[in-house]
Amino acid sequence: MKHFFILLMSIITLSACSTMQEVQIIQTGANSYEMTKTDNNYPGAGILQKEITREAMGLCRSLKKRLHTISIHETKPPFAGSKVPLAEIKFECLDRKH
């Protein structure tokens, strides 16, 4: 029982240190989307922008369309209070040109 308790506490401690990411996608028009991604750890400048752009590209590819970025934004440090690392992209999935 003692070993089980130590194992359980180790798992809880390690899971508290893991990265928590959340992605939200909102369809704002027929082919228009807004996607936000938050991360409870700061991965470094530009990393969230690259990740969210890759995810937007994947969404458009799944629709057999191409990505057209309208705007992209990433919060900058310091992260205090309710300010967390966040990236936001507004984009369209357009028909591929032949």
Protein backbone atom coordinates (compact mmCIF):
# COMPACT_ATOMS: atom_id res chain seq x y z
CA MET A 1 0.00 0.00 0.00
CA LYS A 2 2.90 2.35 0.78
CA HIS A 3 4.36 1.82 -2.72
CA PHE A 4 0.98 2.52 -4.31
CA PHE A 5 0.71 5.81 -2.40
CA ILE A 6 4.21 6.89 -3.49
CA LEU A 7 3.42 6.00 -7.11
CA LEU A 8 0.13 7.92 -6.96
CA MET A 9 1.81 11.01 -5.51
CA SER A 10 4.54 10.84 -8.19
CA ILE A 11 1.95 10.71 -10.96
CA ILE A 12 0.02 13.65 -9.51
CA THR A 13 3.21 15.70 -9.13
CA LEU A 14 4.35 15.00 -12.69
CA SER A 15 0.94 15.73 -14.18
CA ALA A 16 0.90 19.11 -12.44
CA CYS A 17 4.11 19.99 -14.32
CA SER A 18 2.80 18.96 -17.72
CA THR A 19 1.85 21.44 -20.39
CA MET A 20 -1.83 22.30 -20.65
CA GLN A 21 -2.85 23.56 -24.06
CA GLU A 22 -6.29 24.56 -25.23
CA VAL A 23 -7.36 25.22 -28.81
CA GLN A 24 -10.66 26.81 -29.74
CA ILE A 25 -11.99 27.10 -33.30
CA ILE A 26 -14.91 29.34 -34.22
CA GLN A 27 -16.40 29.47 -37.70
CA THR A 28 -17.09 33.15 -38.38
CA GLY A 29 -18.38 32.83 -41.95
CA ALA A 30 -18.84 30.38 -44.81
CA ASN A 31 -15.08 29.83 -45.17
CA SER A 32 -13.81 32.07 -42.36
CA TYR A 33 -12.46 30.92 -39.01
CA GLU A 34 -10.90 32.24 -35.84
CA MET A 35 -8.64 29.97 -33.81
CA THR A 36 -7.06 30.61 -30.42
CA LYS A 37 -4.50 28.53 -28.59
CA THR A 38 -3.41 28.97 -24.99
CA ASP A 39 -0.56 27.29 -23.19
CA ASN A 40 0.00 27.43 -19.44
CA ASN A 41 3.77 27.38 -20.05
CA TYR A 42 5.55 29.95 -22.21
CA PRO A 43 7.09 27.94 -25.07
CA GLY A 44 9.08 30.91 -26.42
CA ALA A 45 8.59 33.77 -28.84
CA GLY A 46 6.76 32.79 -32.03
CA ILE A 47 6.25 29.13 -31.08
CA LEU A 48 2.49 29.42 -30.47
CA GLN A 49 2.12 31.37 -33.73
CA LYS A 50 3.85 28.58 -35.65
CA GLU A 51 1.76 25.88 -33.95
CA ILE A 52 -1.56 27.65 -34.53
CA THR A 53 -0.67 28.37 -38.17
CA ARG A 54 0.12 24.67 -38.65
CA GLU A 55 -3.23 23.70 -37.09
CA ALA A 56 -5.12 26.19 -39.30
CA MET A 57 -3.32 24.78 -42.34
CA GLY A 58 -4.34 21.27 -41.28
CA LEU A 59 -7.99 22.34 -40.99
CA CYS A 60 -7.95 23.82 -44.49
CA ARG A 61 -6.21 20.75 -45.91
CA SER A 62 -8.88 18.53 -44.36
CA LEU A 63 -11.43 20.60 -46.30
CA LYS A 64 -9.29 20.26 -49.46
CA LYS A 65 -8.70 24.02 -49.48
CA ARG A 66 -5.75 26.34 -48.92
CA LEU A 67 -5.02 28.64 -46.00
CA HIS A 68 -5.31 32.41 -46.39
CA THR A 69 -4.20 34.19 -43.20
CA ILE A 70 -6.07 37.41 -42.42
CA SER A 71 -4.33 38.24 -39.13
CA ILE A 72 -2.26 36.57 -36.44
CA HIS A 73 -1.39 37.71 -32.93
CA GLU A 74 0.55 36.33 -29.97
CA THR A 75 0.64 37.74 -26.43
CA LYS A 76 4.05 38.80 -25.18
CA PRO A 77 5.53 38.37 -21.70
CA PRO A 78 5.36 39.22 -18.84
CA PHE A 79 2.46 36.95 -17.99
CA ALA A 80 0.94 38.17 -14.74
CA GLY A 81 -2.55 37.97 -13.32
CA SER A 82 -4.94 36.63 -15.92
CA LYS A 83 -2.57 37.18 -18.88
CA VAL A 84 -1.48 33.80 -20.30
CA PRO A 85 0.52 32.78 -23.39
CA LEU A 86 -2.03 32.95 -26.21
CA ALA A 87 -1.97 32.97 -30.00
CA GLU A 88 -4.90 33.93 -32.22
CA ILE A 89 -5.28 33.55 -35.97
CA LYS A 90 -8.06 34.74 -38.24
CA PHE A 91 -8.09 32.95 -41.57
CA GLU A 92 -10.04 31.67 -44.54
CA CYS A 93 -9.99 28.31 -46.24
CA LEU A 94 -10.13 29.12 -49.95
CA ASP A 95 -10.48 26.89 -53.00
CA ARG A 96 -7.18 25.77 -54.41
CA LYS A 97 -6.16 27.44 -57.65
CA HIS A 98 -5.47 25.06 -60.51
